[in-house]
Amino acid sequence: MNREAENFPELVKEVRRKLGLSQEDLAHELGVSFATVNRWENGKTTPSKMAKTVWKQFCQRQIEEGKLND
């Protein structure tokens, strides 16, 4: 498992908390289920390549809108 995959659960939690979103809210923003976000945060699954792309785009948009530091 690579370093990014190992840190992904913490990254999801940190971003979600900084944005003040619930797991359900984040799931809606990303177009995935609540269960998916929950599994990511608990390290039970890792995102697919497509989901990872959506995640990165979401984070970039939040950075551009000044809601998240990079």
PDB file of N, CA and C in Angstrom:
ATOM      1  N   MET A   1       0.852  -1.181   0.000  1.00  0.00           N
ATOM      2  CA  MET A   1       0.000   0.000   0.000  1.00  0.00           C
ATOM      3  C   MET A   1       0.890   1.233   0.000  1.00  0.00           C
ATOM      4  N   ASN A   2       0.567   2.183  -0.859  1.00  0.00           N
ATOM      5  CA  ASN A   2       1.415   3.375  -0.922  1.00  0.00           C
ATOM      6  C   ASN A   2       1.053   4.377   0.171  1.00  0.00           C
ATOM      7  N   ARG A   3       1.899   5.350   0.329  1.00  0.00           N
ATOM      8  CA  ARG A   3       1.739   6.324   1.415  1.00  0.00           C
ATOM      9  C   ARG A   3       0.425   7.096   1.322  1.00  0.00           C
ATOM     10  N   GLU A   4       0.047   7.504   0.114  1.00  0.00           N
ATOM     11  CA  GLU A   4      -1.203   8.247  -0.053  1.00  0.00           C
ATOM     12  C   GLU A   4      -2.395   7.400   0.380  1.00  0.00           C
ATOM     13  N   ALA A   5      -2.398   6.129   0.003  1.00  0.00           N
ATOM     14  CA  ALA A   5      -3.495   5.234   0.391  1.00  0.00           C
ATOM     15  C   ALA A   5      -3.543   5.065   1.906  1.00  0.00           C
ATOM     16  N   GLU A   6      -2.379   4.995   2.537  1.00  0.00           N
ATOM     17  CA  GLU A   6      -2.329   4.847   3.991  1.00  0.00           C
ATOM     18  C   GLU A   6      -2.894   6.074   4.692  1.00  0.00           C
ATOM     19  N   ASN A   7      -2.667   7.248   4.142  1.00  0.00           N
ATOM     20  CA  ASN A   7      -3.108   8.490   4.763  1.00  0.00           C
ATOM     21  C   ASN A   7      -4.485   8.940   4.317  1.00  0.00           C
ATOM     22  N   PHE A   8      -5.084   8.248   3.351  1.00  0.00           N
ATOM     23  CA  PHE A   8      -6.357   8.701   2.806  1.00  0.00           C
ATOM     24  C   PHE A   8      -7.458   8.811   3.861  1.00  0.00           C
ATOM     25  N   PRO A   9      -7.626   7.830   4.755  1.00  0.00           N
ATOM     26  CA  PRO A   9      -8.683   7.983   5.773  1.00  0.00           C
ATOM     27  C   PRO A   9      -8.535   9.259   6.604  1.00  0.00           C
ATOM     28  N   GLU A  10      -7.315   9.563   7.020  1.00  0.00           N
ATOM     29  CA  GLU A  10      -7.093  10.783   7.803  1.00  0.00           C
ATOM     30  C   GLU A  10      -7.341  12.035   6.964  1.00  0.00           C
ATOM     31  N   LEU A  11      -6.954  11.977   5.701  1.00  0.00           N
ATOM     32  CA  LEU A  11      -7.161  13.118   4.811  1.00  0.00           C
ATOM     33  C   LEU A  11      -8.647  13.408   4.635  1.00  0.00           C
ATOM     34  N   VAL A  12      -9.439  12.374   4.427  1.00  0.00           N
ATOM     35  CA  VAL A  12     -10.888  12.561   4.260  1.00  0.00           C
ATOM     36  C   VAL A  12     -11.483  13.175   5.519  1.00  0.00           C
ATOM     37  N   LYS A  13     -11.116  12.653   6.672  1.00  0.00           N
ATOM     38  CA  LYS A  13     -11.628  13.191   7.941  1.00  0.00           C
ATOM     39  C   LYS A  13     -11.234  14.646   8.119  1.00  0.00           C
ATOM     40  N   GLU A  14      -9.965  14.954   7.849  1.00  0.00           N
ATOM     41  CA  GLU A  14      -9.475  16.316   8.034  1.00  0.00           C
ATOM     42  C   GLU A  14     -10.185  17.300   7.114  1.00  0.00           C
ATOM     43  N   VAL A  15     -10.300  16.946   5.852  1.00  0.00           N
ATOM     44  CA  VAL A  15     -10.966  17.839   4.890  1.00  0.00           C
ATOM     45  C   VAL A  15     -12.426  18.026   5.289  1.00  0.00           C
ATOM     46  N   ARG A  16     -13.084  16.957   5.626  1.00  0.00           N
ATOM     47  CA  ARG A  16     -14.499  17.037   6.000  1.00  0.00           C
ATOM     48  C   ARG A  16     -14.697  17.928   7.223  1.00  0.00           C
ATOM     49  N   ARG A  17     -13.848  17.762   8.219  1.00  0.00           N
ATOM     50  CA  ARG A  17     -13.957  18.587   9.439  1.00  0.00           C
ATOM     51  C   ARG A  17     -13.671  20.056   9.146  1.00  0.00           C
ATOM     52  N   LYS A  18     -12.645  20.323   8.341  1.00  0.00           N
ATOM     53  CA  LYS A  18     -12.312  21.714   8.007  1.00  0.00           C
ATOM     54  C   LYS A  18     -13.455  22.400   7.278  1.00  0.00           C
ATOM     55  N   LEU A  19     -14.178  21.636   6.477  1.00  0.00           N
ATOM     56  CA  LEU A  19     -15.296  22.200   5.724  1.00  0.00           C
ATOM     57  C   LEU A  19     -16.603  22.177   6.509  1.00  0.00           C
ATOM     58  N   GLY A  20     -16.585  21.560   7.671  1.00  0.00           N
ATOM     59  CA  GLY A  20     -17.778  21.488   8.509  1.00  0.00           C
ATOM     60  C   GLY A  20     -18.874  20.625   7.900  1.00  0.00           C
ATOM     61  N   LEU A  21     -18.481  19.563   7.212  1.00  0.00           N
ATOM     62  CA  LEU A  21     -19.441  18.692   6.557  1.00  0.00           C
ATOM     63  C   LEU A  21     -19.604  17.380   7.317  1.00  0.00           C
ATOM     64  N   SER A  22     -20.808  16.854   7.306  1.00  0.00           N
ATOM     65  CA  SER A  22     -21.026  15.509   7.825  1.00  0.00           C
ATOM     66  C   SER A  22     -20.579  14.522   6.750  1.00  0.00           C
ATOM     67  N   GLN A  23     -20.487  13.259   7.113  1.00  0.00           N
ATOM     68  CA  GLN A  23     -20.148  12.248   6.113  1.00  0.00           C
ATOM     69  C   GLN A  23     -21.204  12.244   5.012  1.00  0.00           C
ATOM     70  N   GLU A  24     -22.459  12.411   5.393  1.00  0.00           N
ATOM     71  CA  GLU A  24     -23.543  12.430   4.414  1.00  0.00           C
ATOM     72  C   GLU A  24     -23.428  13.632   3.478  1.00  0.00           C
ATOM     73  N   ASP A  25     -23.098  14.797   4.036  1.00  0.00           N
ATOM     74  CA  ASP A  25     -22.927  16.000   3.207  1.00  0.00           C
ATOM     75  C   ASP A  25     -21.778  15.831   2.221  1.00  0.00           C
ATOM     76  N   LEU A  26     -20.663  15.289   2.702  1.00  0.00           N
ATOM     77  CA  LEU A  26     -19.516  15.079   1.828  1.00  0.00           C
ATOM     78  C   LEU A  26     -19.863  14.079   0.730  1.00  0.00           C
ATOM     79  N   ALA A  27     -20.556  13.022   1.098  1.00  0.00           N
ATOM     80  CA  ALA A  27     -20.970  12.022   0.107  1.00  0.00           C
ATOM     81  C   ALA A  27     -21.806  12.672  -0.987  1.00  0.00           C
ATOM     82  N   HIS A  28     -22.721  13.528  -0.597  1.00  0.00           N
ATOM     83  CA  HIS A  28     -23.569  14.230  -1.574  1.00  0.00           C
ATOM     84  C   HIS A  28     -22.723  15.109  -2.495  1.00  0.00           C
ATOM     85  N   GLU A  29     -21.782  15.831  -1.921  1.00  0.00           N
ATOM     86  CA  GLU A  29     -20.901  16.699  -2.711  1.00  0.00           C
ATOM     87  C   GLU A  29     -20.087  15.905  -3.734  1.00  0.00           C
ATOM     88  N   LEU A  30     -19.692  14.697  -3.358  1.00  0.00           N
ATOM     89  CA  LEU A  30     -18.841  13.871  -4.218  1.00  0.00           C
ATOM     90  C   LEU A  30     -19.635  12.956  -5.148  1.00  0.00           C
ATOM     91  N   GLY A  31     -20.944  12.836  -4.897  1.00  0.00           N
ATOM     92  CA  GLY A  31     -21.761  11.951  -5.711  1.00  0.00           C
ATOM     93  C   GLY A  31     -21.544  10.482  -5.394  1.00  0.00           C
ATOM     94  N   VAL A  32     -21.224  10.214  -4.125  1.00  0.00           N
ATOM     95  CA  VAL A  32     -21.061   8.827  -3.669  1.00  0.00           C
ATOM     96  C   VAL A  32     -22.006   8.609  -2.492  1.00  0.00           C
ATOM     97  N   SER A  33     -22.094   7.389  -2.036  1.00  0.00           N
ATOM     98  CA  SER A  33     -22.981   7.101  -0.908  1.00  0.00           C
ATOM     99  C   SER A  33     -22.310   7.456   0.422  1.00  0.00           C
ATOM    100  N   PHE A  34     -23.164   7.626   1.433  1.00  0.00           N
ATOM    101  CA  PHE A  34     -22.669   7.837   2.794  1.00  0.00           C
ATOM    102  C   PHE A  34     -21.761   6.681   3.194  1.00  0.00           C
ATOM    103  N   ALA A  35     -22.181   5.454   2.857  1.00  0.00           N
ATOM    104  CA  ALA A  35     -21.404   4.267   3.218  1.00  0.00           C
ATOM    105  C   ALA A  35     -20.003   4.312   2.623  1.00  0.00           C
ATOM    106  N   THR A  36     -19.886   4.843   1.419  1.00  0.00           N
ATOM    107  CA  THR A  36     -18.577   4.950   0.768  1.00  0.00           C
ATOM    108  C   THR A  36     -17.662   5.872   1.558  1.00  0.00           C
ATOM    109  N   VAL A  37     -18.153   7.037   1.919  1.00  0.00           N
ATOM    110  CA  VAL A  37     -17.345   7.981   2.702  1.00  0.00           C
ATOM    111  C   VAL A  37     -16.991   7.360   4.044  1.00  0.00           C
ATOM    112  N   ASN A  38     -17.934   6.703   4.671  1.00  0.00           N
ATOM    113  CA  ASN A  38     -17.693   6.054   5.957  1.00  0.00           C
ATOM    114  C   ASN A  38     -16.605   4.996   5.834  1.00  0.00           C
ATOM    115  N   ARG A  39     -16.650   4.203   4.786  1.00  0.00           N
ATOM    116  CA  ARG A  39     -15.630   3.156   4.577  1.00  0.00           C
ATOM    117  C   ARG A  39     -14.266   3.767   4.292  1.00  0.00           C
ATOM    118  N   TRP A  40     -14.239   4.861   3.553  1.00  0.00           N
ATOM    119  CA  TRP A  40     -12.956   5.544   3.295  1.00  0.00           C
ATOM    120  C   TRP A  40     -12.352   6.007   4.612  1.00  0.00           C
ATOM    121  N   GLU A  41     -13.167   6.662   5.443  1.00  0.00           N
ATOM    122  CA  GLU A  41     -12.660   7.200   6.710  1.00  0.00           C
ATOM    123  C   GLU A  41     -12.209   6.109   7.666  1.00  0.00           C
ATOM    124  N   ASN A  42     -12.846   4.968   7.603  1.00  0.00           N
ATOM    125  CA  ASN A  42     -12.490   3.865   8.487  1.00  0.00           C
ATOM    126  C   ASN A  42     -11.412   2.967   7.898  1.00  0.00           C
ATOM    127  N   GLY A  43     -10.936   3.311   6.714  1.00  0.00           N
ATOM    128  CA  GLY A  43      -9.868   2.555   6.081  1.00  0.00           C
ATOM    129  C   GLY A  43     -10.299   1.187   5.571  1.00  0.00           C
ATOM    130  N   LYS A  44     -11.607   0.985   5.438  1.00  0.00           N
ATOM    131  CA  LYS A  44     -12.107  -0.317   4.974  1.00  0.00           C
ATOM    132  C   LYS A  44     -11.976  -0.463   3.460  1.00  0.00           C
ATOM    133  N   THR A  45     -12.051   0.649   2.741  1.00  0.00           N
ATOM    134  CA  THR A  45     -11.879   0.634   1.287  1.00  0.00           C
ATOM    135  C   THR A  45     -11.082   1.868   0.881  1.00  0.00           C
ATOM    136  N   THR A  46     -10.556   1.826  -0.308  1.00  0.00           N
ATOM    137  CA  THR A  46      -9.897   2.991  -0.892  1.00  0.00           C
ATOM    138  C   THR A  46     -10.688   3.376  -2.131  1.00  0.00           C
ATOM    139  N   PRO A  47     -10.623   4.635  -2.523  1.00  0.00           N
ATOM    140  CA  PRO A  47     -11.417   5.069  -3.669  1.00  0.00           C
ATOM    141  C   PRO A  47     -10.909   4.468  -4.978  1.00  0.00           C
ATOM    142  N   SER A  48     -11.846   4.271  -5.887  1.00  0.00           N
ATOM    143  CA  SER A  48     -11.480   3.846  -7.236  1.00  0.00           C
ATOM    144  C   SER A  48     -10.725   4.990  -7.899  1.00  0.00           C
ATOM    145  N   LYS A  49     -10.143   4.704  -9.030  1.00  0.00           N
ATOM    146  CA  LYS A  49      -9.420   5.745  -9.765  1.00  0.00           C
ATOM    147  C   LYS A  49     -10.351   6.917 -10.093  1.00  0.00           C
ATOM    148  N   MET A  50     -11.570   6.603 -10.518  1.00  0.00           N
ATOM    149  CA  MET A  50     -12.527   7.652 -10.847  1.00  0.00           C
ATOM    150  C   MET A  50     -12.909   8.456  -9.597  1.00  0.00           C
ATOM    151  N   ALA A  51     -13.170   7.770  -8.494  1.00  0.00           N
ATOM    152  CA  ALA A  51     -13.537   8.454  -7.258  1.00  0.00           C
ATOM    153  C   ALA A  51     -12.390   9.321  -6.754  1.00  0.00           C
ATOM    154  N   LYS A  52     -11.178   8.849  -6.915  1.00  0.00           N
ATOM    155  CA  LYS A  52     -10.015   9.632  -6.491  1.00  0.00           C
ATOM    156  C   LYS A  52      -9.900  10.911  -7.323  1.00  0.00           C
ATOM    157  N   THR A  53     -10.204  10.818  -8.613  1.00  0.00           N
ATOM    158  CA  THR A  53     -10.197  12.000  -9.477  1.00  0.00           C
ATOM    159  C   THR A  53     -11.253  12.999  -9.017  1.00  0.00           C
ATOM    160  N   VAL A  54     -12.448  12.510  -8.717  1.00  0.00           N
ATOM    161  CA  VAL A  54     -13.526  13.376  -8.223  1.00  0.00           C
ATOM    162  C   VAL A  54     -13.112  14.018  -6.907  1.00  0.00           C
ATOM    163  N   TRP A  55     -12.486  13.239  -6.020  1.00  0.00           N
ATOM    164  CA  TRP A  55     -12.010  13.751  -4.724  1.00  0.00           C
ATOM    165  C   TRP A  55     -11.012  14.893  -4.930  1.00  0.00           C
ATOM    166  N   LYS A  56     -10.039  14.665  -5.811  1.00  0.00           N
ATOM    167  CA  LYS A  56      -9.013  15.683  -6.060  1.00  0.00           C
ATOM    168  C   LYS A  56      -9.618  16.953  -6.655  1.00  0.00           C
ATOM    169  N   GLN A  57     -10.576  16.798  -7.556  1.00  0.00           N
ATOM    170  CA  GLN A  57     -11.248  17.958  -8.151  1.00  0.00           C
ATOM    171  C   GLN A  57     -12.045  18.716  -7.092  1.00  0.00           C
ATOM    172  N   PHE A  58     -12.720  17.976  -6.215  1.00  0.00           N
ATOM    173  CA  PHE A  58     -13.483  18.592  -5.136  1.00  0.00           C
ATOM    174  C   PHE A  58     -12.556  19.402  -4.231  1.00  0.00           C
ATOM    175  N   CYS A  59     -11.444  18.803  -3.831  1.00  0.00           N
ATOM    176  CA  CYS A  59     -10.495  19.505  -2.957  1.00  0.00           C
ATOM    177  C   CYS A  59      -9.922  20.728  -3.650  1.00  0.00           C
ATOM    178  N   GLN A  60      -9.574  20.607  -4.914  1.00  0.00           N
ATOM    179  CA  GLN A  60      -9.028  21.740  -5.659  1.00  0.00           C
ATOM    180  C   GLN A  60     -10.037  22.881  -5.731  1.00  0.00           C
ATOM    181  N   ARG A  61     -11.304  22.541  -5.968  1.00  0.00           N
ATOM    182  CA  ARG A  61     -12.360  23.558  -6.026  1.00  0.00           C
ATOM    183  C   ARG A  61     -12.491  24.257  -4.676  1.00  0.00           C
ATOM    184  N   GLN A  62     -12.406  23.500  -3.578  1.00  0.00           N
ATOM    185  CA  GLN A  62     -12.504  24.097  -2.244  1.00  0.00           C
ATOM    186  C   GLN A  62     -11.327  25.036  -1.974  1.00  0.00           C
ATOM    187  N   ILE A  63     -10.155  24.655  -2.448  1.00  0.00           N
ATOM    188  CA  ILE A  63      -8.962  25.497  -2.306  1.00  0.00           C
ATOM    189  C   ILE A  63      -9.150  26.787  -3.096  1.00  0.00           C
ATOM    190  N   GLU A  64      -9.609  26.656  -4.327  1.00  0.00           N
ATOM    191  CA  GLU A  64      -9.812  27.831  -5.178  1.00  0.00           C
ATOM    192  C   GLU A  64     -10.853  28.777  -4.615  1.00  0.00           C
ATOM    193  N   GLU A  65     -11.872  28.224  -3.931  1.00  0.00           N
ATOM    194  CA  GLU A  65     -12.924  29.044  -3.323  1.00  0.00           C
ATOM    195  C   GLU A  65     -12.501  29.590  -1.956  1.00  0.00           C
ATOM    196  N   GLY A  66     -11.292  29.263  -1.510  1.00  0.00           N
ATOM    197  CA  GLY A  66     -10.788  29.755  -0.243  1.00  0.00           C
ATOM    198  C   GLY A  66     -11.359  29.065   0.975  1.00  0.00           C
ATOM    199  N   LYS A  67     -11.989  27.922   0.771  1.00  0.00           N
ATOM    200  CA  LYS A  67     -12.591  27.194   1.885  1.00  0.00           C
ATOM    201  C   LYS A  67     -11.642  26.181   2.505  1.00  0.00           C
ATOM    202  N   LEU A  68     -10.531  25.917   1.805  1.00  0.00           N
ATOM    203  CA  LEU A  68      -9.597  24.897   2.243  1.00  0.00           C
ATOM    204  C   LEU A  68      -8.192  25.345   1.891  1.00  0.00           C
ATOM    205  N   ASN A  69      -7.268  25.113   2.798  1.00  0.00           N
ATOM    206  CA  ASN A  69      -5.857  25.399   2.516  1.00  0.00           C
ATOM    207  C   ASN A  69      -5.244  24.181   1.860  1.00  0.00           C
ATOM    208  N   ASP A  70      -4.304  24.417   0.931  1.00  0.00           N
ATOM    209  CA  ASP A  70      -3.671  23.263   0.277  1.00  0.00           C
ATOM    210  C   ASP A  70      -2.501  22.755   1.023  1.00  0.00           C
TER     211      ASP A  70
END
